[in-house]
Structure formats: C-alpha cells, structure tokens
Amino acid sequence: MHRFEDQLNFSNDLSDDPAWDELYRRVWPEVLTIQRIPNGLSQWQQWGIDRELKLPNGRTITVDEKKRRADKNGQPYRDIALEYWSQYYGDDAHPKNRLGWAIDPNKRCD
C-alpha cells in the first residue's frame, strides 16, 4: 500500500524519461515518435494515457506508465505489471474501489 500523493510525486519525476524511451525503442525499434502527454486535467490523462507512440504502419500505441520503486532487496523490478485495481479496499464490492487501467472500460490506453 502507498499514499497516492507520494506515488504521484514519484511518478511525475522525469529523471527516468530516457529509460522509458529506451524501453519503448527496444520493444518497437521502428517507432517514429514517442510523445509524453503532459500532466494535468486533460482528457488524455483521464483516459489513462501518459505516452503516445507512433509506428510507421500508422498504428498509435497509447501507454499508461506506472513506475515502481525498487524491490525489498533494492533491485529494480524487471517485469511489467497490469493494474487490475487502482484503489482497492479489501472487498471487491467496496464502493470506493476503482478499477485499474487494464480493465477499466473508460481507459483508452493499450
């Protein structure tokens, strides 16, 4: 568990932006452009889109980036997590639960 405000500040730190670009270029070496969507209350952010990638075949890939801190041994995670719950209160029927981007029908990220 974490405090939302602390995690948001951690996520908004742009010092690791080059690492994100490197990751995307490894996965999609032919990528034409990688555009970061500015933070704020834009519709794109509400859709869960943090970055847009354009491929030469005309496809656009939209990404919701979720940064994680190092594991308990101080090592970076070397996997990809799919967010099922954005907020979870221990009971699937809790009224304050919020779906994560992987299953939220209002999100438009890939």
PDB file of N, CA and C in Angstrom:
ATOM      1  N   MET A   1       0.842  -1.178   0.000  1.00  0.00           N
ATOM      2  CA  MET A   1       0.000   0.000   0.000  1.00  0.00           C
ATOM      3  C   MET A   1       0.887   1.240   0.000  1.00  0.00           C
ATOM      4  N   HIS A   2       0.398   2.296  -0.565  1.00  0.00           N
ATOM      5  CA  HIS A   2       1.135   3.550  -0.584  1.00  0.00           C
ATOM      6  C   HIS A   2       0.156   4.717  -0.557  1.00  0.00           C
ATOM      7  N   ARG A   3       0.701   5.868  -0.215  1.00  0.00           N
ATOM      8  CA  ARG A   3      -0.103   7.096  -0.252  1.00  0.00           C
ATOM      9  C   ARG A   3      -0.137   7.601  -1.688  1.00  0.00           C
ATOM     10  N   PHE A   4      -1.324   7.957  -2.153  1.00  0.00           N
ATOM     11  CA  PHE A   4      -1.489   8.392  -3.535  1.00  0.00           C
ATOM     12  C   PHE A   4      -0.582   9.575  -3.862  1.00  0.00           C
ATOM     13  N   GLU A   5      -0.537  10.572  -2.988  1.00  0.00           N
ATOM     14  CA  GLU A   5       0.241  11.789  -3.259  1.00  0.00           C
ATOM     15  C   GLU A   5       1.732  11.475  -3.391  1.00  0.00           C
ATOM     16  N   ASP A   6       2.241  10.594  -2.527  1.00  0.00           N
ATOM     17  CA  ASP A   6       3.657  10.219  -2.613  1.00  0.00           C
ATOM     18  C   ASP A   6       3.944   9.502  -3.927  1.00  0.00           C
ATOM     19  N   GLN A   7       3.066   8.593  -4.308  1.00  0.00           N
ATOM     20  CA  GLN A   7       3.272   7.848  -5.551  1.00  0.00           C
ATOM     21  C   GLN A   7       3.145   8.765  -6.762  1.00  0.00           C
ATOM     22  N   LEU A   8       2.229   9.729  -6.718  1.00  0.00           N
ATOM     23  CA  LEU A   8       2.076  10.667  -7.824  1.00  0.00           C
ATOM     24  C   LEU A   8       3.339  11.501  -7.997  1.00  0.00           C
ATOM     25  N   ASN A   9       3.893  12.012  -6.912  1.00  0.00           N
ATOM     26  CA  ASN A   9       5.136  12.783  -6.995  1.00  0.00           C
ATOM     27  C   ASN A   9       6.269  11.935  -7.553  1.00  0.00           C
ATOM     28  N   PHE A  10       6.376  10.700  -7.103  1.00  0.00           N
ATOM     29  CA  PHE A  10       7.394   9.784  -7.612  1.00  0.00           C
ATOM     30  C   PHE A  10       7.197   9.551  -9.110  1.00  0.00           C
ATOM     31  N   SER A  11       5.964   9.337  -9.534  1.00  0.00           N
ATOM     32  CA  SER A  11       5.663   9.073 -10.936  1.00  0.00           C
ATOM     33  C   SER A  11       5.917  10.287 -11.821  1.00  0.00           C
ATOM     34  N   ASN A  12       5.720  11.473 -11.291  1.00  0.00           N
ATOM     35  CA  ASN A  12       5.890  12.695 -12.080  1.00  0.00           C
ATOM     36  C   ASN A  12       7.344  13.137 -12.209  1.00  0.00           C
ATOM     37  N   ASP A  13       8.253  12.499 -11.488  1.00  0.00           N
ATOM     38  CA  ASP A  13       9.672  12.811 -11.602  1.00  0.00           C
ATOM     39  C   ASP A  13      10.152  12.362 -12.980  1.00  0.00           C
ATOM     40  N   LEU A  14      10.636  13.283 -13.790  1.00  0.00           N
ATOM     41  CA  LEU A  14      11.007  12.976 -15.168  1.00  0.00           C
ATOM     42  C   LEU A  14      12.451  12.507 -15.317  1.00  0.00           C
ATOM     43  N   SER A  15      13.160  12.289 -14.228  1.00  0.00           N
ATOM     44  CA  SER A  15      14.576  11.936 -14.324  1.00  0.00           C
ATOM     45  C   SER A  15      14.802  10.613 -15.041  1.00  0.00           C
ATOM     46  N   ASP A  16      13.796   9.752 -15.084  1.00  0.00           N
ATOM     47  CA  ASP A  16      13.971   8.470 -15.757  1.00  0.00           C
ATOM     48  C   ASP A  16      13.327   8.443 -17.146  1.00  0.00           C
ATOM     49  N   ASP A  17      12.959   9.600 -17.683  1.00  0.00           N
ATOM     50  CA  ASP A  17      12.371   9.651 -19.021  1.00  0.00           C
ATOM     51  C   ASP A  17      13.220   8.948 -20.077  1.00  0.00           C
ATOM     52  N   PRO A  18      14.543   9.144 -20.080  1.00  0.00           N
ATOM     53  CA  PRO A  18      15.355   8.432 -21.083  1.00  0.00           C
ATOM     54  C   PRO A  18      15.223   6.913 -20.992  1.00  0.00           C
ATOM     55  N   ALA A  19      15.028   6.381 -19.804  1.00  0.00           N
ATOM     56  CA  ALA A  19      14.864   4.932 -19.647  1.00  0.00           C
ATOM     57  C   ALA A  19      13.556   4.456 -20.273  1.00  0.00           C
ATOM     58  N   TRP A  20      12.484   5.260 -20.133  1.00  0.00           N
ATOM     59  CA  TRP A  20      11.217   4.899 -20.777  1.00  0.00           C
ATOM     60  C   TRP A  20      11.399   4.866 -22.290  1.00  0.00           C
ATOM     61  N   ASP A  21      12.030   5.900 -22.854  1.00  0.00           N
ATOM     62  CA  ASP A  21      12.250   5.938 -24.303  1.00  0.00           C
ATOM     63  C   ASP A  21      13.063   4.728 -24.755  1.00  0.00           C
ATOM     64  N   GLU A  22      14.098   4.382 -23.997  1.00  0.00           N
ATOM     65  CA  GLU A  22      14.931   3.225 -24.344  1.00  0.00           C
ATOM     66  C   GLU A  22      14.100   1.936 -24.341  1.00  0.00           C
ATOM     67  N   LEU A  23      13.257   1.784 -23.337  1.00  0.00           N
ATOM     68  CA  LEU A  23      12.396   0.603 -23.269  1.00  0.00           C
ATOM     69  C   LEU A  23      11.495   0.528 -24.491  1.00  0.00           C
ATOM     70  N   TYR A  24      10.835   1.623 -24.824  1.00  0.00           N
ATOM     71  CA  TYR A  24       9.916   1.617 -25.967  1.00  0.00           C
ATOM     72  C   TYR A  24      10.666   1.329 -27.270  1.00  0.00           C
ATOM     73  N   ARG A  25      11.859   1.855 -27.414  1.00  0.00           N
ATOM     74  CA  ARG A  25      12.642   1.614 -28.638  1.00  0.00           C
ATOM     75  C   ARG A  25      13.133   0.165 -28.715  1.00  0.00           C
ATOM     76  N   ARG A  26      13.327  -0.487 -27.568  1.00  0.00           N
ATOM     77  CA  ARG A  26      13.688  -1.909 -27.586  1.00  0.00           C
ATOM     78  C   ARG A  26      12.489  -2.753 -28.013  1.00  0.00           C
ATOM     79  N   VAL A  27      11.299  -2.401 -27.527  1.00  0.00           N
ATOM     80  CA  VAL A  27      10.092  -3.169 -27.856  1.00  0.00           C
ATOM     81  C   VAL A  27       9.639  -2.890 -29.286  1.00  0.00           C
ATOM     82  N   TRP A  28       9.667  -1.629 -29.686  1.00  0.00           N
ATOM     83  CA  TRP A  28       9.259  -1.209 -31.028  1.00  0.00           C
ATOM     84  C   TRP A  28      10.416  -0.456 -31.682  1.00  0.00           C
ATOM     85  N   PRO A  29      11.414  -1.151 -32.216  1.00  0.00           N
ATOM     86  CA  PRO A  29      12.600  -0.469 -32.774  1.00  0.00           C
ATOM     87  C   PRO A  29      12.271   0.482 -33.919  1.00  0.00           C
ATOM     88  N   GLU A  30      11.141   0.259 -34.588  1.00  0.00           N
ATOM     89  CA  GLU A  30      10.771   1.101 -35.727  1.00  0.00           C
ATOM     90  C   GLU A  30       9.963   2.331 -35.329  1.00  0.00           C
ATOM     91  N   VAL A  31       9.742   2.554 -34.020  1.00  0.00           N
ATOM     92  CA  VAL A  31       8.908   3.664 -33.569  1.00  0.00           C
ATOM     93  C   VAL A  31       9.382   4.986 -34.182  1.00  0.00           C
ATOM     94  N   LEU A  32       8.435   5.775 -34.660  1.00  0.00           N
ATOM     95  CA  LEU A  32       8.756   7.064 -35.280  1.00  0.00           C
ATOM     96  C   LEU A  32       8.847   8.175 -34.242  1.00  0.00           C
ATOM     97  N   THR A  33       7.837   8.257 -33.370  1.00  0.00           N
ATOM     98  CA  THR A  33       7.821   9.298 -32.346  1.00  0.00           C
ATOM     99  C   THR A  33       7.343   8.722 -31.024  1.00  0.00           C
ATOM    100  N   ILE A  34       7.858   9.307 -29.952  1.00  0.00           N
ATOM    101  CA  ILE A  34       7.427   8.979 -28.592  1.00  0.00           C
ATOM    102  C   ILE A  34       7.095  10.304 -27.934  1.00  0.00           C
ATOM    103  N   GLN A  35       5.826  10.508 -27.635  1.00  0.00           N
ATOM    104  CA  GLN A  35       5.386  11.785 -27.076  1.00  0.00           C
ATOM    105  C   GLN A  35       4.834  11.588 -25.674  1.00  0.00           C
ATOM    106  N   ARG A  36       5.367  12.330 -24.730  1.00  0.00           N
ATOM    107  CA  ARG A  36       4.848  12.306 -23.360  1.00  0.00           C
ATOM    108  C   ARG A  36       3.639  13.229 -23.295  1.00  0.00           C
ATOM    109  N   ILE A  37       2.568  12.753 -22.691  1.00  0.00           N
ATOM    110  CA  ILE A  37       1.359  13.562 -22.525  1.00  0.00           C
ATOM    111  C   ILE A  37       1.523  14.352 -21.229  1.00  0.00           C
ATOM    112  N   PRO A  38       1.426  15.666 -21.287  1.00  0.00           N
ATOM    113  CA  PRO A  38       1.639  16.480 -20.076  1.00  0.00           C
ATOM    114  C   PRO A  38       0.645  16.137 -18.965  1.00  0.00           C
ATOM    115  N   ASN A  39       1.119  16.238 -17.750  1.00  0.00           N
ATOM    116  CA  ASN A  39       0.247  16.031 -16.588  1.00  0.00           C
ATOM    117  C   ASN A  39      -0.784  17.140 -16.520  1.00  0.00           C
ATOM    118  N   GLY A  40      -1.804  16.890 -15.790  1.00  0.00           N
ATOM    119  CA  GLY A  40      -2.854  17.895 -15.637  1.00  0.00           C
ATOM    120  C   GLY A  40      -4.213  17.234 -15.765  1.00  0.00           C
ATOM    121  N   LEU A  41      -5.169  18.031 -16.009  1.00  0.00           N
ATOM    122  CA  LEU A  41      -6.537  17.522 -16.065  1.00  0.00           C
ATOM    123  C   LEU A  41      -7.025  17.314 -17.488  1.00  0.00           C
ATOM    124  N   SER A  42      -6.099  17.038 -18.402  1.00  0.00           N
ATOM    125  CA  SER A  42      -6.508  16.858 -19.790  1.00  0.00           C
ATOM    126  C   SER A  42      -7.331  15.580 -19.943  1.00  0.00           C
ATOM    127  N   GLN A  43      -8.108  15.528 -20.998  1.00  0.00           N
ATOM    128  CA  GLN A  43      -8.915  14.336 -21.275  1.00  0.00           C
ATOM    129  C   GLN A  43      -8.022  13.115 -21.456  1.00  0.00           C
ATOM    130  N   TRP A  44      -6.848  13.308 -22.056  1.00  0.00           N
ATOM    131  CA  TRP A  44      -5.931  12.182 -22.273  1.00  0.00           C
ATOM    132  C   TRP A  44      -5.508  11.563 -20.951  1.00  0.00           C
ATOM    133  N   GLN A  45      -5.217  12.384 -19.966  1.00  0.00           N
ATOM    134  CA  GLN A  45      -4.843  11.868 -18.651  1.00  0.00           C
ATOM    135  C   GLN A  45      -6.016  11.134 -18.015  1.00  0.00           C
ATOM    136  N   GLN A  46      -7.217  11.632 -18.193  1.00  0.00           N
ATOM    137  CA  GLN A  46      -8.397  10.948 -17.654  1.00  0.00           C
ATOM    138  C   GLN A  46      -8.602   9.589 -18.336  1.00  0.00           C
ATOM    139  N   TRP A  47      -8.194   9.481 -19.583  1.00  0.00           N
ATOM    140  CA  TRP A  47      -8.268   8.206 -20.291  1.00  0.00           C
ATOM    141  C   TRP A  47      -7.124   7.273 -19.879  1.00  0.00           C
ATOM    142  N   GLY A  48      -6.188   7.759 -19.074  1.00  0.00           N
ATOM    143  CA  GLY A  48      -5.080   6.935 -18.615  1.00  0.00           C
ATOM    144  C   GLY A  48      -3.882   6.942 -19.548  1.00  0.00           C
ATOM    145  N   ILE A  49      -3.792   7.910 -20.436  1.00  0.00           N
ATOM    146  CA  ILE A  49      -2.718   7.934 -21.423  1.00  0.00           C
ATOM    147  C   ILE A  49      -1.600   8.860 -20.955  1.00  0.00           C
ATOM    148  N   ASP A  50      -0.426   8.282 -20.730  1.00  0.00           N
ATOM    149  CA  ASP A  50       0.750   9.049 -20.330  1.00  0.00           C
ATOM    150  C   ASP A  50       1.726   9.255 -21.482  1.00  0.00           C
ATOM    151  N   ARG A  51       1.673   8.363 -22.463  1.00  0.00           N
ATOM    152  CA  ARG A  51       2.607   8.454 -23.574  1.00  0.00           C
ATOM    153  C   ARG A  51       1.961   7.882 -24.826  1.00  0.00           C
ATOM    154  N   GLU A  52       2.294   8.514 -25.966  1.00  0.00           N
ATOM    155  CA  GLU A  52       1.781   8.066 -27.255  1.00  0.00           C
ATOM    156  C   GLU A  52       2.959   7.724 -28.156  1.00  0.00           C
ATOM    157  N   LEU A  53       2.894   6.542 -28.754  1.00  0.00           N
ATOM    158  CA  LEU A  53       3.942   6.093 -29.668  1.00  0.00           C
ATOM    159  C   LEU A  53       3.339   5.945 -31.057  1.00  0.00           C
ATOM    160  N   LYS A  54       4.028   6.471 -32.066  1.00  0.00           N
ATOM    161  CA  LYS A  54       3.572   6.362 -33.458  1.00  0.00           C
ATOM    162  C   LYS A  54       4.492   5.393 -34.189  1.00  0.00           C
ATOM    163  N   LEU A  55       3.881   4.425 -34.872  1.00  0.00           N
ATOM    164  CA  LEU A  55       4.633   3.434 -35.635  1.00  0.00           C
ATOM    165  C   LEU A  55       4.500   3.715 -37.122  1.00  0.00           C
ATOM    166  N   PRO A  56       5.451   3.254 -37.935  1.00  0.00           N
ATOM    167  CA  PRO A  56       5.412   3.555 -39.368  1.00  0.00           C
ATOM    168  C   PRO A  56       4.213   2.946 -40.103  1.00  0.00           C
ATOM    169  N   ASN A  57       3.584   1.933 -39.543  1.00  0.00           N
ATOM    170  CA  ASN A  57       2.412   1.337 -40.194  1.00  0.00           C
ATOM    171  C   ASN A  57       1.130   2.125 -39.928  1.00  0.00           C
ATOM    172  N   GLY A  58       1.261   3.283 -39.256  1.00  0.00           N
ATOM    173  CA  GLY A  58       0.116   4.135 -38.964  1.00  0.00           C
ATOM    174  C   GLY A  58      -0.526   3.859 -37.615  1.00  0.00           C
ATOM    175  N   ARG A  59      -0.086   2.820 -36.945  1.00  0.00           N
ATOM    176  CA  ARG A  59      -0.651   2.489 -35.637  1.00  0.00           C
ATOM    177  C   ARG A  59      -0.144   3.452 -34.577  1.00  0.00           C
ATOM    178  N   THR A  60      -1.013   3.791 -33.660  1.00  0.00           N
ATOM    179  CA  THR A  60      -0.669   4.586 -32.486  1.00  0.00           C
ATOM    180  C   THR A  60      -0.853   3.702 -31.271  1.00  0.00           C
ATOM    181  N   ILE A  61       0.141   3.677 -30.406  1.00  0.00           N
ATOM    182  CA  ILE A  61       0.072   2.912 -29.163  1.00  0.00           C
ATOM    183  C   ILE A  61       0.030   3.910 -28.025  1.00  0.00           C
ATOM    184  N   THR A  62      -0.949   3.764 -27.152  1.00  0.00           N
ATOM    185  CA  THR A  62      -1.066   4.659 -26.001  1.00  0.00           C
ATOM    186  C   THR A  62      -0.751   3.870 -24.735  1.00  0.00           C
ATOM    187  N   VAL A  63       0.030   4.486 -23.852  1.00  0.00           N
ATOM    188  CA  VAL A  63       0.563   3.793 -22.687  1.00  0.00           C
ATOM    189  C   VAL A  63       0.222   4.547 -21.411  1.00  0.00           C
ATOM    190  N   ASP A  64      -0.201   3.795 -20.409  1.00  0.00           N
ATOM    191  CA  ASP A  64      -0.351   4.320 -19.052  1.00  0.00           C
ATOM    192  C   ASP A  64       0.875   3.838 -18.289  1.00  0.00           C
ATOM    193  N   GLU A  65       1.773   4.735 -17.956  1.00  0.00           N
ATOM    194  CA  GLU A  65       3.013   4.360 -17.277  1.00  0.00           C
ATOM    195  C   GLU A  65       2.801   4.302 -15.772  1.00  0.00           C
ATOM    196  N   LYS A  66       3.277   3.233 -15.186  1.00  0.00           N
ATOM    197  CA  LYS A  66       3.225   3.061 -13.735  1.00  0.00           C
ATOM    198  C   LYS A  66       4.638   2.748 -13.268  1.00  0.00           C
ATOM    199  N   LYS A  67       5.217   3.667 -12.551  1.00  0.00           N
ATOM    200  CA  LYS A  67       6.564   3.449 -12.017  1.00  0.00           C
ATOM    201  C   LYS A  67       6.473   2.728 -10.683  1.00  0.00           C
ATOM    202  N   ARG A  68       7.446   1.871 -10.439  1.00  0.00           N
ATOM    203  CA  ARG A  68       7.525   1.208  -9.138  1.00  0.00           C
ATOM    204  C   ARG A  68       8.917   1.441  -8.568  1.00  0.00           C
ATOM    205  N   ARG A  69       8.969   1.518  -7.267  1.00  0.00           N
ATOM    206  CA  ARG A  69      10.246   1.653  -6.585  1.00  0.00           C
ATOM    207  C   ARG A  69      10.952   0.304  -6.599  1.00  0.00           C
ATOM    208  N   ALA A  70      12.177   0.265  -6.131  1.00  0.00           N
ATOM    209  CA  ALA A  70      12.946  -0.973  -6.093  1.00  0.00           C
ATOM    210  C   ALA A  70      12.279  -1.995  -5.184  1.00  0.00           C
ATOM    211  N   ASP A  71      12.587  -3.263  -5.416  1.00  0.00           N
ATOM    212  CA  ASP A  71      12.017  -4.315  -4.575  1.00  0.00           C
ATOM    213  C   ASP A  71      12.672  -4.314  -3.198  1.00  0.00           C
ATOM    214  N   LYS A  72      12.312  -5.267  -2.357  1.00  0.00           N
ATOM    215  CA  LYS A  72      12.800  -5.288  -0.973  1.00  0.00           C
ATOM    216  C   LYS A  72      14.311  -5.464  -0.880  1.00  0.00           C
ATOM    217  N   ASN A  73      14.942  -5.943  -1.951  1.00  0.00           N
ATOM    218  CA  ASN A  73      16.397  -6.104  -1.983  1.00  0.00           C
ATOM    219  C   ASN A  73      17.102  -4.920  -2.647  1.00  0.00           C
ATOM    220  N   GLY A  74      16.331  -3.889  -2.975  1.00  0.00           N
ATOM    221  CA  GLY A  74      16.913  -2.710  -3.607  1.00  0.00           C
ATOM    222  C   GLY A  74      17.113  -2.842  -5.106  1.00  0.00           C
ATOM    223  N   GLN A  75      16.594  -3.908  -5.686  1.00  0.00           N
ATOM    224  CA  GLN A  75      16.748  -4.141  -7.121  1.00  0.00           C
ATOM    225  C   GLN A  75      15.534  -3.614  -7.879  1.00  0.00           C
ATOM    226  N   PRO A  76      15.736  -3.085  -9.081  1.00  0.00           N
ATOM    227  CA  PRO A  76      14.577  -2.645  -9.863  1.00  0.00           C
ATOM    228  C   PRO A  76      13.771  -3.849 -10.327  1.00  0.00           C
ATOM    229  N   TYR A  77      12.480  -3.656 -10.459  1.00  0.00           N
ATOM    230  CA  TYR A  77      11.632  -4.710 -10.999  1.00  0.00           C
ATOM    231  C   TYR A  77      11.964  -4.888 -12.469  1.00  0.00           C
ATOM    232  N   ARG A  78      11.910  -6.111 -12.948  1.00  0.00           N
ATOM    233  CA  ARG A  78      12.238  -6.407 -14.343  1.00  0.00           C
ATOM    234  C   ARG A  78      11.040  -7.064 -15.023  1.00  0.00           C
ATOM    235  N   ASP A  79       9.851  -6.553 -14.714  1.00  0.00           N
ATOM    236  CA  ASP A  79       8.645  -7.117 -15.287  1.00  0.00           C
ATOM    237  C   ASP A  79       7.700  -5.990 -15.678  1.00  0.00           C
ATOM    238  N   ILE A  80       6.551  -6.362 -16.136  1.00  0.00           N
ATOM    239  CA  ILE A  80       5.505  -5.400 -16.471  1.00  0.00           C
ATOM    240  C   ILE A  80       4.278  -5.782 -15.659  1.00  0.00           C
ATOM    241  N   ALA A  81       3.685  -4.818 -14.998  1.00  0.00           N
ATOM    242  CA  ALA A  81       2.506  -5.069 -14.168  1.00  0.00           C
ATOM    243  C   ALA A  81       1.262  -4.542 -14.872  1.00  0.00           C
ATOM    244  N   LEU A  82       0.181  -5.282 -14.772  1.00  0.00           N
ATOM    245  CA  LEU A  82      -1.104  -4.852 -15.288  1.00  0.00           C
ATOM    246  C   LEU A  82      -1.951  -4.439 -14.097  1.00  0.00           C
ATOM    247  N   GLU A  83      -2.442  -3.202 -14.116  1.00  0.00           N
ATOM    248  CA  GLU A  83      -3.171  -2.661 -12.977  1.00  0.00           C
ATOM    249  C   GLU A  83      -4.635  -3.094 -13.021  1.00  0.00           C
ATOM    250  N   TYR A  84      -4.981  -4.031 -12.150  1.00  0.00           N
ATOM    251  CA  TYR A  84      -6.357  -4.511 -12.040  1.00  0.00           C
ATOM    252  C   TYR A  84      -7.190  -3.569 -11.171  1.00  0.00           C
ATOM    253  N   TRP A  85      -6.621  -3.128 -10.045  1.00  0.00           N
ATOM    254  CA  TRP A  85      -7.277  -2.157  -9.175  1.00  0.00           C
ATOM    255  C   TRP A  85      -6.401  -0.922  -9.066  1.00  0.00           C
ATOM    256  N   SER A  86      -6.988   0.246  -9.237  1.00  0.00           N
ATOM    257  CA  SER A  86      -6.291   1.498  -8.982  1.00  0.00           C
ATOM    258  C   SER A  86      -6.371   1.812  -7.491  1.00  0.00           C
ATOM    259  N   GLN A  87      -7.534   1.566  -6.917  1.00  0.00           N
ATOM    260  CA  GLN A  87      -7.745   1.678  -5.465  1.00  0.00           C
ATOM    261  C   GLN A  87      -8.542   0.458  -5.042  1.00  0.00           C
ATOM    262  N   TYR A  88      -8.099  -0.186  -3.966  1.00  0.00           N
ATOM    263  CA  TYR A  88      -8.779  -1.391  -3.505  1.00  0.00           C
ATOM    264  C   TYR A  88      -8.854  -1.385  -1.985  1.00  0.00           C
ATOM    265  N   TYR A  89     -10.026  -1.641  -1.462  1.00  0.00           N
ATOM    266  CA  TYR A  89     -10.263  -1.576  -0.020  1.00  0.00           C
ATOM    267  C   TYR A  89     -10.545  -2.948   0.598  1.00  0.00           C
ATOM    268  N   GLY A  90     -10.041  -4.016  -0.007  1.00  0.00           N
ATOM    269  CA  GLY A  90     -10.121  -5.336   0.589  1.00  0.00           C
ATOM    270  C   GLY A  90     -11.382  -6.122   0.323  1.00  0.00           C
ATOM    271  N   ASP A  91     -12.289  -5.557  -0.438  1.00  0.00           N
ATOM    272  CA  ASP A  91     -13.554  -6.227  -0.720  1.00  0.00           C
ATOM    273  C   ASP A  91     -13.966  -5.795  -2.126  1.00  0.00           C
ATOM    274  N   ASP A  92     -14.181  -6.746  -3.021  1.00  0.00           N
ATOM    275  CA  ASP A  92     -14.487  -6.400  -4.416  1.00  0.00           C
ATOM    276  C   ASP A  92     -15.706  -5.499  -4.573  1.00  0.00           C
ATOM    277  N   ALA A  93     -16.611  -5.503  -3.616  1.00  0.00           N
ATOM    278  CA  ALA A  93     -17.838  -4.703  -3.715  1.00  0.00           C
ATOM    279  C   ALA A  93     -17.740  -3.352  -3.013  1.00  0.00           C
ATOM    280  N   HIS A  94     -16.585  -3.015  -2.467  1.00  0.00           N
ATOM    281  CA  HIS A  94     -16.453  -1.749  -1.731  1.00  0.00           C
ATOM    282  C   HIS A  94     -16.748  -0.573  -2.675  1.00  0.00           C
ATOM    283  N   PRO A  95     -17.565   0.391  -2.241  1.00  0.00           N
ATOM    284  CA  PRO A  95     -17.968   1.490  -3.137  1.00  0.00           C
ATOM    285  C   PRO A  95     -16.832   2.431  -3.528  1.00  0.00           C
ATOM    286  N   LYS A  96     -15.736   2.462  -2.786  1.00  0.00           N
ATOM    287  CA  LYS A  96     -14.628   3.358  -3.132  1.00  0.00           C
ATOM    288  C   LYS A  96     -13.570   2.688  -4.005  1.00  0.00           C
ATOM    289  N   ASN A  97     -13.727   1.400  -4.300  1.00  0.00           N
ATOM    290  CA  ASN A  97     -12.787   0.725  -5.198  1.00  0.00           C
ATOM    291  C   ASN A  97     -12.806   1.414  -6.562  1.00  0.00           C
ATOM    292  N   ARG A  98     -11.648   1.452  -7.188  1.00  0.00           N
ATOM    293  CA  ARG A  98     -11.558   1.985  -8.553  1.00  0.00           C
ATOM    294  C   ARG A  98     -10.822   0.973  -9.409  1.00  0.00           C
ATOM    295  N   LEU A  99     -11.385   0.670 -10.569  1.00  0.00           N
ATOM    296  CA  LEU A  99     -10.746  -0.270 -11.481  1.00  0.00           C
ATOM    297  C   LEU A  99      -9.429   0.286 -11.986  1.00  0.00           C
ATOM    298  N   GLY A 100      -8.484  -0.594 -12.239  1.00  0.00           N
ATOM    299  CA  GLY A 100      -7.207  -0.212 -12.831  1.00  0.00           C
ATOM    300  C   GLY A 100      -7.319  -0.110 -14.343  1.00  0.00           C
ATOM    301  N   TRP A 101      -6.288   0.446 -14.970  1.00  0.00           N
ATOM    302  CA  TRP A 101      -6.347   0.710 -16.409  1.00  0.00           C
ATOM    303  C   TRP A 101      -6.532  -0.559 -17.242  1.00  0.00           C
ATOM    304  N   ALA A 102      -6.075  -1.705 -16.749  1.00  0.00           N
ATOM    305  CA  ALA A 102      -6.143  -2.929 -17.546  1.00  0.00           C
ATOM    306  C   ALA A 102      -7.575  -3.408 -17.790  1.00  0.00           C
ATOM    307  N   ILE A 103      -8.517  -3.025 -16.904  1.00  0.00           N
ATOM    308  CA  ILE A 103      -9.900  -3.498 -17.068  1.00  0.00           C
ATOM    309  C   ILE A 103     -10.940  -2.384 -17.041  1.00  0.00           C
ATOM    310  N   ASP A 104     -10.519  -1.161 -16.813  1.00  0.00           N
ATOM    311  CA  ASP A 104     -11.466  -0.036 -16.739  1.00  0.00           C
ATOM    312  C   ASP A 104     -11.954   0.302 -18.147  1.00  0.00           C
ATOM    313  N   PRO A 105     -13.260   0.174 -18.420  1.00  0.00           N
ATOM    314  CA  PRO A 105     -13.755   0.450 -19.763  1.00  0.00           C
ATOM    315  C   PRO A 105     -13.642   1.926 -20.178  1.00  0.00           C
ATOM    316  N   ASN A 106     -13.396   2.815 -19.219  1.00  0.00           N
ATOM    317  CA  ASN A 106     -13.244   4.236 -19.544  1.00  0.00           C
ATOM    318  C   ASN A 106     -11.818   4.616 -19.936  1.00  0.00           C
ATOM    319  N   LYS A 107     -10.875   3.707 -19.739  1.00  0.00           N
ATOM    320  CA  LYS A 107      -9.488   3.976 -20.109  1.00  0.00           C
ATOM    321  C   LYS A 107      -9.298   3.654 -21.573  1.00  0.00           C
ATOM    322  N   ARG A 108      -8.427   4.401 -22.217  1.00  0.00           N
ATOM    323  CA  ARG A 108      -8.196   4.200 -23.657  1.00  0.00           C
ATOM    324  C   ARG A 108      -6.733   3.893 -23.945  1.00  0.00           C
ATOM    325  N   CYS A 109      -6.033   3.415 -22.961  1.00  0.00           N
ATOM    326  CA  CYS A 109      -4.624   3.084 -23.173  1.00  0.00           C
ATOM    327  C   CYS A 109      -4.497   1.619 -23.573  1.00  0.00           C
ATOM    328  N   ASP A 110      -3.446   1.355 -24.347  1.00  0.00           N
ATOM    329  CA  ASP A 110      -3.189  -0.018 -24.789  1.00  0.00           C
ATOM    330  C   ASP A 110      -2.538  -0.820 -23.695  1.00  0.00           C
TER     331      ASP A 110
END
